[in-house]
C-alpha atoms as a PDB file:
ATOM      1  CA  UNK A   1      68.523 118.941 171.733  1.00  0.00           C
ATOM      2  CA  UNK A   2      65.337 121.387 172.058  1.00  0.00           C
ATOM      3  CA  UNK A   3      62.669 123.382 172.372  1.00  0.00           C
ATOM      4  CA  UNK A   4      61.505 126.547 170.622  1.00  0.00           C
ATOM      5  CA  UNK A   5      58.805 129.123 172.255  1.00  0.00           C
ATOM      6  CA  UNK A   6      55.365 127.244 171.133  1.00  0.00           C
ATOM      7  CA  UNK A   7      54.073 130.679 171.330  1.00  0.00           C
ATOM      8  CA  UNK A   8      55.896 132.547 168.626  1.00  0.00           C
ATOM      9  CA  UNK A   9      58.329 130.796 166.144  1.00  0.00           C
ATOM     10  CA  UNK A  10      56.631 132.167 163.750  1.00  0.00           C
ATOM     11  CA  UNK A  11      56.411 135.498 165.383  1.00  0.00           C
ATOM     12  CA  UNK A  12      59.174 135.765 166.627  1.00  0.00           C
ATOM     13  CA  UNK A  13      61.379 135.043 163.418  1.00  0.00           C
ATOM     14  CA  UNK A  14      58.996 137.624 161.888  1.00  0.00           C
ATOM     15  CA  UNK A  15      60.218 140.175 164.728  1.00  0.00           C
ATOM     16  CA  UNK A  16      63.809 139.440 164.291  1.00  0.00           C
ATOM     17  CA  UNK A  17      63.620 139.674 160.405  1.00  0.00           C
ATOM     18  CA  UNK A  18      61.998 143.106 160.881  1.00  0.00           C
ATOM     19  CA  UNK A  19      63.961 144.521 164.479  1.00  0.00           C
ATOM     20  CA  UNK A  20      67.557 143.406 163.241  1.00  0.00           C
ATOM     21  CA  UNK A  21      66.935 144.845 159.250  1.00  0.00           C
ATOM     22  CA  UNK A  22      65.541 148.191 161.152  1.00  0.00           C
ATOM     23  CA  UNK A  23      68.096 148.300 163.562  1.00  0.00           C
ATOM     24  CA  UNK A  24      66.995 147.004 166.653  1.00  0.00           C
ATOM     25  CA  UNK A  25      69.593 145.137 167.682  1.00  0.00           C
ATOM     26  CA  UNK A  26      71.013 148.105 169.728  1.00  0.00           C
ATOM     27  CA  UNK A  27      67.667 148.022 171.901  1.00  0.00           C
ATOM     28  CA  UNK A  28      70.055 147.542 175.188  1.00  0.00           C
ATOM     29  CA  UNK A  29      66.314 145.352 176.569  1.00  0.00           C
ATOM     30  CA  UNK A  30      66.461 143.396 173.833  1.00  0.00           C
ATOM     31  CA  UNK A  31      68.208 139.857 173.483  1.00  0.00           C
ATOM     32  CA  UNK A  32      68.576 137.853 170.473  1.00  0.00           C
ATOM     33  CA  UNK A  33      69.077 133.846 170.827  1.00  0.00           C
ATOM     34  CA  UNK A  34      69.712 131.074 167.997  1.00  0.00           C
ATOM     35  CA  UNK A  35      69.468 128.365 169.737  1.00  0.00           C
ATOM     36  CA  UNK A  36      68.500 124.573 168.792  1.00  0.00           C
ATOM     37  CA  UNK A  37      64.794 123.842 168.370  1.00  0.00           C
ATOM     38  CA  UNK A  38      63.451 122.248 171.737  1.00  0.00           C
ATOM     39  CA  UNK A  39      65.603 122.986 173.738  1.00  0.00           C
ATOM     40  CA  UNK A  40      64.726 125.980 176.074  1.00  0.00           C
ATOM     41  CA  UNK A  41      61.308 125.713 177.961  1.00  0.00           C
ATOM     42  CA  UNK A  42      58.628 128.277 177.657  1.00  0.00           C
ATOM     43  CA  UNK A  43      58.959 129.364 181.372  1.00  0.00           C
ATOM     44  CA  UNK A  44      62.459 129.986 181.893  1.00  0.00           C
ATOM     45  CA  UNK A  45      62.557 132.474 178.741  1.00  0.00           C
ATOM     46  CA  UNK A  46      59.411 133.803 180.486  1.00  0.00           C
ATOM     47  CA  UNK A  47      61.257 134.039 184.109  1.00  0.00           C
ATOM     48  CA  UNK A  48      64.046 136.332 182.250  1.00  0.00           C
ATOM     49  CA  UNK A  49      62.408 138.070 180.445  1.00  0.00           C
ATOM     50  CA  UNK A  50      60.326 139.067 183.485  1.00  0.00           C
ATOM     51  CA  UNK A  51      63.712 139.666 186.295  1.00  0.00           C
ATOM     52  CA  UNK A  52      65.150 141.449 183.650  1.00  0.00           C
ATOM     53  CA  UNK A  53      62.566 143.763 181.888  1.00  0.00           C
ATOM     54  CA  UNK A  54      63.441 142.438 178.506  1.00  0.00           C
ATOM     55  CA  UNK A  55      62.120 140.958 175.111  1.00  0.00           C
ATOM     56  CA  UNK A  56      64.074 137.387 174.172  1.00  0.00           C
ATOM     57  CA  UNK A  57      64.010 137.096 170.468  1.00  0.00           C
ATOM     58  CA  UNK A  58      64.462 133.356 169.724  1.00  0.00           C
ATOM     59  CA  UNK A  59      65.264 131.851 166.661  1.00  0.00           C
ATOM     60  CA  UNK A  60      65.808 128.488 165.776  1.00  0.00           C
ATOM     61  CA  UNK A  61      68.170 126.102 163.813  1.00  0.00           C
ATOM     62  CA  UNK A  62      68.332 122.025 163.691  1.00  0.00           C
ATOM     63  CA  UNK A  63      71.284 120.993 162.913  1.00  0.00           C
ATOM     64  CA  UNK A  64      74.768 122.576 163.392  1.00  0.00           C
ATOM     65  CA  UNK A  65      75.985 122.686 159.506  1.00  0.00           C
ATOM     66  CA  UNK A  66      72.466 125.010 159.358  1.00  0.00           C
ATOM     67  CA  UNK A  67      73.577 127.283 162.039  1.00  0.00           C
ATOM     68  CA  UNK A  68      77.302 127.275 160.702  1.00  0.00           C
ATOM     69  CA  UNK A  69      76.415 128.182 157.255  1.00  0.00           C
ATOM     70  CA  UNK A  70      73.861 131.239 158.191  1.00  0.00           C
ATOM     71  CA  UNK A  71      76.231 133.182 160.425  1.00  0.00           C
ATOM     72  CA  UNK A  72      78.832 132.547 157.578  1.00  0.00           C
ATOM     73  CA  UNK A  73      76.337 134.025 155.174  1.00  0.00           C
ATOM     74  CA  UNK A  74      76.482 136.781 157.095  1.00  0.00           C
ATOM     75  CA  UNK A  75      73.304 135.689 159.578  1.00  0.00           C
ATOM     76  CA  UNK A  76      73.774 138.554 161.875  1.00  0.00           C
ATOM     77  CA  UNK A  77      72.828 140.039 164.747  1.00  0.00           C
ATOM     78  CA  UNK A  78      72.174 137.507 167.242  1.00  0.00           C
ATOM     79  CA  UNK A  79      73.936 138.117 170.567  1.00  0.00           C
ATOM     80  CA  UNK A  80      73.867 133.888 171.661  1.00  0.00           C
ATOM     81  CA  UNK A  81      74.089 130.799 169.528  1.00  0.00           C
ATOM     82  CA  UNK A  82      74.001 127.283 170.637  1.00  0.00           C
ATOM     83  CA  UNK A  83      76.785 125.250 168.860  1.00  0.00           C
ATOM     84  CA  UNK A  84      77.810 121.781 170.111  1.00  0.00           C
ATOM     85  CA  UNK A  85      81.177 121.117 170.864  1.00  0.00           C
ATOM     86  CA  UNK A  86      82.698 120.509 167.260  1.00  0.00           C
ATOM     87  CA  UNK A  87      81.802 123.827 166.297  1.00  0.00           C
ATOM     88  CA  UNK A  88      82.167 126.043 169.157  1.00  0.00           C
ATOM     89  CA  UNK A  89      85.682 124.837 168.297  1.00  0.00           C
ATOM     90  CA  UNK A  90      85.364 125.465 164.137  1.00  0.00           C
ATOM     91  CA  UNK A  91      84.140 128.921 165.818  1.00  0.00           C
ATOM     92  CA  UNK A  92      86.722 130.215 168.195  1.00  0.00           C
ATOM     93  CA  UNK A  93      89.771 129.738 165.230  1.00  0.00           C
ATOM     94  CA  UNK A  94      87.546 131.255 163.226  1.00  0.00           C
ATOM     95  CA  UNK A  95      87.090 134.433 165.667  1.00  0.00           C
ATOM     96  CA  UNK A  96      83.803 134.218 165.222  1.00  0.00           C
ATOM     97  CA  UNK A  97      83.246 134.469 169.190  1.00  0.00           C
ATOM     98  CA  UNK A  98      83.426 136.550 171.848  1.00  0.00           C
ATOM     99  CA  UNK A  99      85.393 135.935 175.068  1.00  0.00           C
ATOM    100  CA  UNK A 100      83.135 135.358 178.168  1.00  0.00           C
ATOM    101  CA  UNK A 101      83.707 137.466 181.091  1.00  0.00           C
ATOM    102  CA  UNK A 102      83.954 134.509 184.089  1.00  0.00           C
ATOM    103  CA  UNK A 103      82.778 137.883 186.774  1.00  0.00           C
ATOM    104  CA  UNK A 104      79.761 138.603 185.113  1.00  0.00           C
ATOM    105  CA  UNK A 105      79.152 134.760 185.489  1.00  0.00           C
ATOM    106  CA  UNK A 106      79.473 133.903 188.801  1.00  0.00           C
ATOM    107  CA  UNK A 107      77.925 130.361 188.115  1.00  0.00           C
ATOM    108  CA  UNK A 108      79.974 129.266 186.327  1.00  0.00           C
ATOM    109  CA  UNK A 109      81.100 127.751 189.745  1.00  0.00           C
ATOM    110  CA  UNK A 110      78.267 124.803 189.721  1.00  0.00           C
ATOM    111  CA  UNK A 111      79.042 122.994 186.160  1.00  0.00           C
ATOM    112  CA  UNK A 112      80.869 119.679 186.299  1.00  0.00           C
ATOM    113  CA  UNK A 113      84.035 119.478 186.178  1.00  0.00           C
ATOM    114  CA  UNK A 114      84.040 116.310 184.650  1.00  0.00           C
ATOM    115  CA  UNK A 115      82.125 117.979 181.116  1.00  0.00           C
ATOM    116  CA  UNK A 116      84.105 120.593 181.498  1.00  0.00           C
ATOM    117  CA  UNK A 117      87.203 118.166 181.297  1.00  0.00           C
ATOM    118  CA  UNK A 118      84.965 116.897 177.940  1.00  0.00           C
ATOM    119  CA  UNK A 119      84.781 119.916 176.431  1.00  0.00           C
ATOM    120  CA  UNK A 120      89.217 120.211 176.267  1.00  0.00           C
ATOM    121  CA  UNK A 121      88.254 122.631 172.674  1.00  0.00           C
ATOM    122  CA  UNK A 122      87.512 124.592 175.566  1.00  0.00           C
ATOM    123  CA  UNK A 123      87.653 123.432 179.043  1.00  0.00           C
ATOM    124  CA  UNK A 124      88.355 127.013 180.769  1.00  0.00           C
ATOM    125  CA  UNK A 125      85.630 128.581 179.241  1.00  0.00           C
ATOM    126  CA  UNK A 126      87.107 131.009 177.596  1.00  0.00           C
ATOM    127  CA  UNK A 127      84.811 131.831 174.487  1.00  0.00           C
ATOM    128  CA  UNK A 128      82.157 129.357 175.576  1.00  0.00           C
ATOM    129  CA  UNK A 129      79.553 127.902 178.647  1.00  0.00           C
ATOM    130  CA  UNK A 130      78.348 124.641 178.606  1.00  0.00           C
ATOM    131  CA  UNK A 131      74.563 124.496 178.787  1.00  0.00           C
ATOM    132  CA  UNK A 132      73.812 120.417 178.440  1.00  0.00           C
ATOM    133  CA  UNK A 133      75.850 117.155 177.726  1.00  0.00           C
ATOM    134  CA  UNK A 134      73.787 114.618 175.496  1.00  0.00           C
ATOM    135  CA  UNK A 135      72.743 112.420 173.033  1.00  0.00           C
ATOM    136  CA  UNK A 136      70.618 111.256 170.397  1.00  0.00           C
ATOM    137  CA  UNK A 137      69.440 107.876 170.856  1.00  0.00           C
ATOM    138  CA  UNK A 138      66.595 106.089 168.773  1.00  0.00           C
ATOM    139  CA  UNK A 139      62.836 106.031 169.818  1.00  0.00           C
ATOM    140  CA  UNK A 140      60.297 102.642 169.220  1.00  0.00           C
ATOM    141  CA  UNK A 141      56.981 102.081 168.798  1.00  0.00           C
ATOM    142  CA  UNK A 142      56.503  98.904 170.901  1.00  0.00           C
ATOM    143  CA  UNK A 143      53.135  98.795 170.231  1.00  0.00           C
ATOM    144  CA  UNK A 144      54.236  98.484 166.191  1.00  0.00           C
ATOM    145  CA  UNK A 145      57.669  96.926 166.469  1.00  0.00           C
ATOM    146  CA  UNK A 146      57.340  94.791 170.056  1.00  0.00           C
ATOM    147  CA  UNK A 147      60.658  92.783 168.854  1.00  0.00           C
ATOM    148  CA  UNK A 148      63.863  94.972 168.217  1.00  0.00           C
ATOM    149  CA  UNK A 149      67.706  94.890 169.419  1.00  0.00           C
ATOM    150  CA  UNK A 150      68.921  98.005 171.040  1.00  0.00           C
ATOM    151  CA  UNK A 151      71.296  98.727 168.748  1.00  0.00           C
ATOM    152  CA  UNK A 152      71.914 100.584 165.327  1.00  0.00           C
ATOM    153  CA  UNK A 153      71.323  97.787 163.869  1.00  0.00           C
ATOM    154  CA  UNK A 154      67.661  98.212 163.489  1.00  0.00           C
ATOM    155  CA  UNK A 155      68.218 100.312 160.480  1.00  0.00           C
ATOM    156  CA  UNK A 156      68.930  97.383 159.161  1.00  0.00           C
ATOM    157  CA  UNK A 157      65.293  96.012 159.256  1.00  0.00           C
ATOM    158  CA  UNK A 158      63.810  95.545 155.773  1.00  0.00           C
ATOM    159  CA  UNK A 159      60.390  94.797 157.388  1.00  0.00           C
ATOM    160  CA  UNK A 160      60.078  98.382 158.889  1.00  0.00           C
ATOM    161  CA  UNK A 161      60.683 100.012 155.425  1.00  0.00           C
ATOM    162  CA  UNK A 162      59.223 102.925 155.522  1.00  0.00           C
ATOM    163  CA  UNK A 163      58.416 103.255 158.651  1.00  0.00           C
ATOM    164  CA  UNK A 164      62.262 104.504 159.657  1.00  0.00           C
ATOM    165  CA  UNK A 165      63.822 108.009 160.200  1.00  0.00           C
ATOM    166  CA  UNK A 166      67.125 109.084 161.269  1.00  0.00           C
ATOM    167  CA  UNK A 167      68.442 112.821 161.660  1.00  0.00           C
ATOM    168  CA  UNK A 168      69.528 114.713 159.043  1.00  0.00           C
ATOM    169  CA  UNK A 169      72.978 115.750 160.829  1.00  0.00           C
ATOM    170  CA  UNK A 170      75.899 114.370 159.088  1.00  0.00           C
ATOM    171  CA  UNK A 171      78.207 113.349 162.112  1.00  0.00           C
ATOM    172  CA  UNK A 172      75.309 112.138 163.993  1.00  0.00           C
ATOM    173  CA  UNK A 173      74.206 109.338 161.113  1.00  0.00           C
ATOM    174  CA  UNK A 174      77.755 109.028 160.411  1.00  0.00           C
ATOM    175  CA  UNK A 175      78.995 108.535 163.818  1.00  0.00           C
ATOM    176  CA  UNK A 176      75.756 105.624 164.509  1.00  0.00           C
ATOM    177  CA  UNK A 177      77.733 104.047 161.644  1.00  0.00           C
ATOM    178  CA  UNK A 178      80.987 104.237 162.678  1.00  0.00           C
ATOM    179  CA  UNK A 179      80.517 102.917 166.284  1.00  0.00           C
ATOM    180  CA  UNK A 180      77.774 100.111 165.087  1.00  0.00           C
ATOM    181  CA  UNK A 181      81.056  99.079 163.005  1.00  0.00           C
ATOM    182  CA  UNK A 182      83.863  99.189 165.762  1.00  0.00           C
ATOM    183  CA  UNK A 183      85.319 102.854 164.177  1.00  0.00           C
ATOM    184  CA  UNK A 184      85.242 105.779 166.635  1.00  0.00           C
ATOM    185  CA  UNK A 185      83.098 108.860 165.762  1.00  0.00           C
ATOM    186  CA  UNK A 186      86.110 110.726 165.607  1.00  0.00           C
ATOM    187  CA  UNK A 187      88.016 108.660 163.110  1.00  0.00           C
ATOM    188  CA  UNK A 188      90.312 110.518 160.088  1.00  0.00           C
ATOM    189  CA  UNK A 189      90.502 107.142 158.098  1.00  0.00           C
ATOM    190  CA  UNK A 190      89.253 107.193 154.737  1.00  0.00           C
ATOM    191  CA  UNK A 191      88.762 103.964 154.509  1.00  0.00           C
ATOM    192  CA  UNK A 192      86.361 103.819 157.764  1.00  0.00           C
ATOM    193  CA  UNK A 193      84.678 106.252 156.550  1.00  0.00           C
ATOM    194  CA  UNK A 194      83.952 104.645 153.768  1.00  0.00           C
ATOM    195  CA  UNK A 195      82.750 101.821 155.016  1.00  0.00           C
ATOM    196  CA  UNK A 196      80.370 103.796 157.081  1.00  0.00           C
ATOM    197  CA  UNK A 197      78.938 106.005 153.847  1.00  0.00           C
ATOM    198  CA  UNK A 198      78.469 102.136 152.524  1.00  0.00           C
ATOM    199  CA  UNK A 199      76.465 100.787 155.448  1.00  0.00           C
ATOM    200  CA  UNK A 200      74.171 104.074 155.654  1.00  0.00           C
ATOM    201  CA  UNK A 201      73.732 104.072 152.150  1.00  0.00           C
ATOM    202  CA  UNK A 202      73.255 100.259 151.281  1.00  0.00           C
ATOM    203  CA  UNK A 203      71.524  98.903 154.095  1.00  0.00           C
ATOM    204  CA  UNK A 204      69.916 101.636 156.270  1.00  0.00           C
ATOM    205  CA  UNK A 205      68.762 104.378 153.680  1.00  0.00           C
ATOM    206  CA  UNK A 206      66.947 101.688 151.725  1.00  0.00           C
ATOM    207  CA  UNK A 207      64.840 101.399 154.798  1.00  0.00           C
ATOM    208  CA  UNK A 208      64.096 105.274 155.908  1.00  0.00           C
ATOM    209  CA  UNK A 209      61.516 107.459 155.046  1.00  0.00           C
ATOM    210  CA  UNK A 210      63.776 109.977 154.643  1.00  0.00           C
ATOM    211  CA  UNK A 211      66.064 112.332 156.746  1.00  0.00           C
ATOM    212  CA  UNK A 212      64.703 114.614 159.131  1.00  0.00           C
ATOM    213  CA  UNK A 213      65.985 116.897 161.911  1.00  0.00           C
ATOM    214  CA  UNK A 214      63.345 118.802 162.111  1.00  0.00           C
ATOM    215  CA  UNK A 215      59.907 116.954 161.998  1.00  0.00           C
ATOM    216  CA  UNK A 216      60.752 113.191 162.818  1.00  0.00           C
ATOM    217  CA  UNK A 217      58.614 113.801 166.566  1.00  0.00           C
ATOM    218  CA  UNK A 218      55.899 115.407 164.672  1.00  0.00           C
ATOM    219  CA  UNK A 219      55.630 112.349 162.259  1.00  0.00           C
ATOM    220  CA  UNK A 220      55.774 109.901 165.582  1.00  0.00           C
ATOM    221  CA  UNK A 221      53.173 111.441 167.134  1.00  0.00           C
ATOM    222  CA  UNK A 222      51.219 110.960 164.131  1.00  0.00           C
ATOM    223  CA  UNK A 223      52.248 107.155 163.699  1.00  0.00           C
ATOM    224  CA  UNK A 224      53.965 108.026 160.853  1.00  0.00           C
ATOM    225  CA  UNK A 225      57.417 106.668 161.608  1.00  0.00           C
ATOM    226  CA  UNK A 226      58.102 103.949 164.293  1.00  0.00           C
ATOM    227  CA  UNK A 227      61.116 104.222 164.756  1.00  0.00           C
ATOM    228  CA  UNK A 228      63.277 107.157 164.654  1.00  0.00           C
ATOM    229  CA  UNK A 229      66.710 108.377 165.206  1.00  0.00           C
ATOM    230  CA  UNK A 230      66.992 111.440 167.498  1.00  0.00           C
ATOM    231  CA  UNK A 231      66.465 113.454 170.237  1.00  0.00           C
ATOM    232  CA  UNK A 232      64.505 112.212 173.388  1.00  0.00           C
ATOM    233  CA  UNK A 233      63.382 116.123 174.295  1.00  0.00           C
ATOM    234  CA  UNK A 234      61.334 116.416 170.929  1.00  0.00           C
ATOM    235  CA  UNK A 235      59.767 112.808 170.890  1.00  0.00           C
ATOM    236  CA  UNK A 236      58.584 113.268 174.603  1.00  0.00           C
ATOM    237  CA  UNK A 237      57.556 116.873 173.711  1.00  0.00           C
ATOM    238  CA  UNK A 238      55.276 115.443 170.450  1.00  0.00           C
ATOM    239  CA  UNK A 239      53.684 112.846 172.010  1.00  0.00           C
ATOM    240  CA  UNK A 240      52.974 114.028 175.969  1.00  0.00           C
ATOM    241  CA  UNK A 241      48.918 114.603 175.587  1.00  0.00           C
ATOM    242  CA  UNK A 242      48.947 111.057 173.924  1.00  0.00           C
ATOM    243  CA  UNK A 243      49.184 108.475 177.324  1.00  0.00           C
ATOM    244  CA  UNK A 244      49.391 105.339 174.975  1.00  0.00           C
ATOM    245  CA  UNK A 245      52.026 106.022 172.800  1.00  0.00           C
ATOM    246  CA  UNK A 246      54.095 108.121 175.882  1.00  0.00           C
ATOM    247  CA  UNK A 247      53.540 104.223 176.804  1.00  0.00           C
ATOM    248  CA  UNK A 248      54.041 101.799 174.695  1.00  0.00           C
ATOM    249  CA  UNK A 249      57.173 104.437 173.450  1.00  0.00           C
ATOM    250  CA  UNK A 250      60.665 102.971 174.781  1.00  0.00           C
ATOM    251  CA  UNK A 251      64.134 105.439 173.998  1.00  0.00           C
ATOM    252  CA  UNK A 252      67.645 104.330 174.620  1.00  0.00           C
ATOM    253  CA  UNK A 253      70.816 104.964 173.773  1.00  0.00           C
ATOM    254  CA  UNK A 254      72.358 101.853 172.456  1.00  0.00           C
ATOM    255  CA  UNK A 255      74.830  99.937 174.442  1.00  0.00           C
ATOM    256  CA  UNK A 256      77.442 100.035 171.456  1.00  0.00           C
ATOM    257  CA  UNK A 257      77.744 103.943 171.757  1.00  0.00           C
ATOM    258  CA  UNK A 258      77.346 106.547 169.657  1.00  0.00           C
ATOM    259  CA  UNK A 259      77.748 110.420 168.845  1.00  0.00           C
ATOM    260  CA  UNK A 260      77.231 112.544 172.128  1.00  0.00           C
ATOM    261  CA  UNK A 261      77.438 116.055 172.284  1.00  0.00           C
ATOM    262  CA  UNK A 262      78.075 119.211 174.446  1.00  0.00           C
ATOM    263  CA  UNK A 263      75.667 122.155 173.265  1.00  0.00           C
ATOM    264  CA  UNK A 264      77.513 125.460 174.897  1.00  0.00           C
ATOM    265  CA  UNK A 265      76.143 129.454 175.052  1.00  0.00           C
ATOM    266  CA  UNK A 266      78.288 131.360 172.997  1.00  0.00           C
ATOM    267  CA  UNK A 267      78.182 135.074 172.635  1.00  0.00           C
ATOM    268  CA  UNK A 268      79.215 135.926 168.960  1.00  0.00           C
ATOM    269  CA  UNK A 269      81.214 138.030 168.167  1.00  0.00           C
ATOM    270  CA  UNK A 270      80.436 141.808 167.454  1.00  0.00           C
ATOM    271  CA  UNK A 271      77.523 141.061 169.827  1.00  0.00           C
ATOM    272  CA  UNK A 272      75.584 144.496 170.860  1.00  0.00           C
ATOM    273  CA  UNK A 273      73.951 143.274 174.260  1.00  0.00           C
ATOM    274  CA  UNK A 274      77.087 141.285 175.581  1.00  0.00           C
ATOM    275  CA  UNK A 275      75.972 141.990 179.475  1.00  0.00           C
ATOM    276  CA  UNK A 276      72.506 141.165 178.802  1.00  0.00           C
ATOM    277  CA  UNK A 277      74.055 137.593 176.905  1.00  0.00           C
ATOM    278  CA  UNK A 278      76.490 137.151 180.881  1.00  0.00           C
ATOM    279  CA  UNK A 279      72.799 137.575 182.409  1.00  0.00           C
ATOM    280  CA  UNK A 280      71.148 135.119 180.583  1.00  0.00           C
ATOM    281  CA  UNK A 281      73.667 132.494 180.890  1.00  0.00           C
ATOM    282  CA  UNK A 282      74.258 133.421 184.712  1.00  0.00           C
ATOM    283  CA  UNK A 283      70.851 132.532 184.977  1.00  0.00           C
ATOM    284  CA  UNK A 284      70.328 129.451 182.800  1.00  0.00           C
ATOM    285  CA  UNK A 285      72.820 128.464 185.686  1.00  0.00           C
ATOM    286  CA  UNK A 286      70.672 129.114 188.539  1.00  0.00           C
ATOM    287  CA  UNK A 287      70.605 125.521 190.203  1.00  0.00           C
ATOM    288  CA  UNK A 288      66.787 126.354 189.806  1.00  0.00           C
ATOM    289  CA  UNK A 289      66.556 127.102 187.104  1.00  0.00           C
ATOM    290  CA  UNK A 290      68.992 124.635 185.740  1.00  0.00           C
ATOM    291  CA  UNK A 291      66.262 121.567 187.225  1.00  0.00           C
ATOM    292  CA  UNK A 292      63.262 123.485 186.078  1.00  0.00           C
ATOM    293  CA  UNK A 293      64.963 122.999 182.523  1.00  0.00           C
ATOM    294  CA  UNK A 294      66.089 119.758 182.786  1.00  0.00           C
ATOM    295  CA  UNK A 295      62.647 118.168 184.241  1.00  0.00           C
ATOM    296  CA  UNK A 296      60.744 119.978 181.413  1.00  0.00           C
ATOM    297  CA  UNK A 297      62.995 118.012 179.041  1.00  0.00           C
ATOM    298  CA  UNK A 298      63.652 114.562 180.584  1.00  0.00           C
ATOM    299  CA  UNK A 299      67.153 115.130 180.904  1.00  0.00           C
ATOM    300  CA  UNK A 300      69.764 113.481 183.533  1.00  0.00           C
ATOM    301  CA  UNK A 301      71.549 116.578 184.968  1.00  0.00           C
ATOM    302  CA  UNK A 302      74.042 115.961 183.867  1.00  0.00           C
ATOM    303  CA  UNK A 303      76.379 119.727 183.162  1.00  0.00           C
ATOM    304  CA  UNK A 304      74.782 121.769 186.551  1.00  0.00           C
ATOM    305  CA  UNK A 305      75.578 120.050 189.755  1.00  0.00           C
ATOM    306  CA  UNK A 306      73.370 121.415 192.755  1.00  0.00           C
ATOM    307  CA  UNK A 307      71.071 121.496 190.099  1.00  0.00           C
ATOM    308  CA  UNK A 308      70.785 117.149 190.407  1.00  0.00           C
ATOM    309  CA  UNK A 309      69.039 117.434 194.122  1.00  0.00           C
ATOM    310  CA  UNK A 310      66.209 119.712 192.611  1.00  0.00           C
ATOM    311  CA  UNK A 311      65.512 117.327 189.709  1.00  0.00           C
ATOM    312  CA  UNK A 312      61.989 116.186 190.356  1.00  0.00           C
ATOM    313  CA  UNK A 313      60.707 114.649 187.478  1.00  0.00           C
ATOM    314  CA  UNK A 314      61.882 111.252 185.401  1.00  0.00           C
ATOM    315  CA  UNK A 315      65.188 111.021 182.791  1.00  0.00           C
ATOM    316  CA  UNK A 316      64.187 109.846 179.723  1.00  0.00           C
ATOM    317  CA  UNK A 317      68.072 108.338 179.884  1.00  0.00           C
ATOM    318  CA  UNK A 318      70.359 108.034 182.236  1.00  0.00           C
ATOM    319  CA  UNK A 319      73.847 109.103 182.687  1.00  0.00           C
ATOM    320  CA  UNK A 320      74.996 105.479 182.321  1.00  0.00           C
ATOM    321  CA  UNK A 321      74.214 105.692 178.722  1.00  0.00           C
ATOM    322  CA  UNK A 322      75.508 108.363 178.361  1.00  0.00           C
ATOM    323  CA  UNK A 323      78.802 107.252 179.610  1.00  0.00           C
ATOM    324  CA  UNK A 324      79.018 104.566 176.586  1.00  0.00           C
ATOM    325  CA  UNK A 325      78.986 107.955 174.154  1.00  0.00           C
ATOM    326  CA  UNK A 326      82.003 109.571 172.615  1.00  0.00           C
ATOM    327  CA  UNK A 327      82.253 113.501 172.236  1.00  0.00           C
ATOM    328  CA  UNK A 328      82.547 114.843 168.145  1.00  0.00           C
ATOM    329  CA  UNK A 329      86.091 116.575 168.309  1.00  0.00           C
ATOM    330  CA  UNK A 330      86.471 118.783 165.312  1.00  0.00           C
ATOM    331  CA  UNK A 331      87.695 117.519 163.037  1.00  0.00           C
ATOM    332  CA  UNK A 332      89.929 119.756 161.274  1.00  0.00           C
ATOM    333  CA  UNK A 333      91.431 119.001 157.436  1.00  0.00           C
ATOM    334  CA  UNK A 334      89.512 115.931 157.985  1.00  0.00           C
ATOM    335  CA  UNK A 335      85.995 117.057 158.141  1.00  0.00           C
ATOM    336  CA  UNK A 336      85.853 116.559 154.220  1.00  0.00           C
ATOM    337  CA  UNK A 337      85.831 113.272 153.814  1.00  0.00           C
ATOM    338  CA  UNK A 338      82.429 113.431 156.243  1.00  0.00           C
ATOM    339  CA  UNK A 339      81.415 116.004 153.950  1.00  0.00           C
ATOM    340  CA  UNK A 340      82.601 114.072 150.743  1.00  0.00           C
ATOM    341  CA  UNK A 341      80.595 110.640 152.207  1.00  0.00           C
ATOM    342  CA  UNK A 342      77.723 112.764 153.228  1.00  0.00           C
ATOM    343  CA  UNK A 343      76.895 115.718 150.615  1.00  0.00           C
ATOM    344  CA  UNK A 344      77.852 113.884 147.302  1.00  0.00           C
ATOM    345  CA  UNK A 345      76.872 110.286 148.439  1.00  0.00           C
ATOM    346  CA  UNK A 346      74.454 109.486 151.286  1.00  0.00           C
ATOM    347  CA  UNK A 347      71.888 112.980 150.380  1.00  0.00           C
ATOM    348  CA  UNK A 348      72.656 113.073 146.815  1.00  0.00           C
ATOM    349  CA  UNK A 349      68.795 113.304 145.658  1.00  0.00           C
ATOM    350  CA  UNK A 350      67.753 113.944 148.657  1.00  0.00           C
END
């Protein structure tokens, strides 16, 4: 889901650490963003900085679990964070977010009501503003794998052993397995979660190089991996300069469905730059800016209605494919069943 600015990941991370420790977080001309990798084009950040005469300090995370753990461990100083819906719900309930002042975000009118309806955890945008509604899928190098089923069952293929990866993301991988078995990605049934765990552990995992939420795109681009579960924008960003691999790559969301996400822009409790954070959220939902965002990553414009008329480029997957997916919900106490399956079984020894 996600793009970190190439010009400054290392520099920005270093500066963020220095500035936060030195009190730089009170500078009214700085905005601290904690976002997924591969998720905001440099051009959008640069336009915002130029228009408002500010500097954006951009730090990144690879999974909701990493983001949440860092914030709960005291990783303070950020202004805007981009959690998926299930974690947005958790953070709302744990009083980790500031309320959105809608009077400061007039472009909320551009957000598709259908997306808000799916965002039942905060459909009135009291604490969160949808950024993007999407889903992970599967990228296949057809030069290496000419024949395949468009299904999560591809990870059962022992002939592709050590040429495949899946995300290091509990809800995504277990959600894929649950869907493939005919269960809900939000099930709270312990027997169904156990069956999904067994499918991953006994059938899929033996064929994987690793679970990887950070370098799967690079590994795919380098030819180390032929099949990867992940985000289209990551894969296509990495292979953009390889014309042959661009032609050979197929990306799909399996027909049986899978987990979907709504990533939202949220202002963290205690933000020192609340007004600037509102300006950034409103800036993102300008139709021309949102169209630029979706064109850059090959997204369909799922969230911002006026941007659809301004979109120029192709999309790597369709809204019809997304319609088959299921949004990940906040599971409450049932999340412990997933944690048990993932951390105490699937990820043991990795």
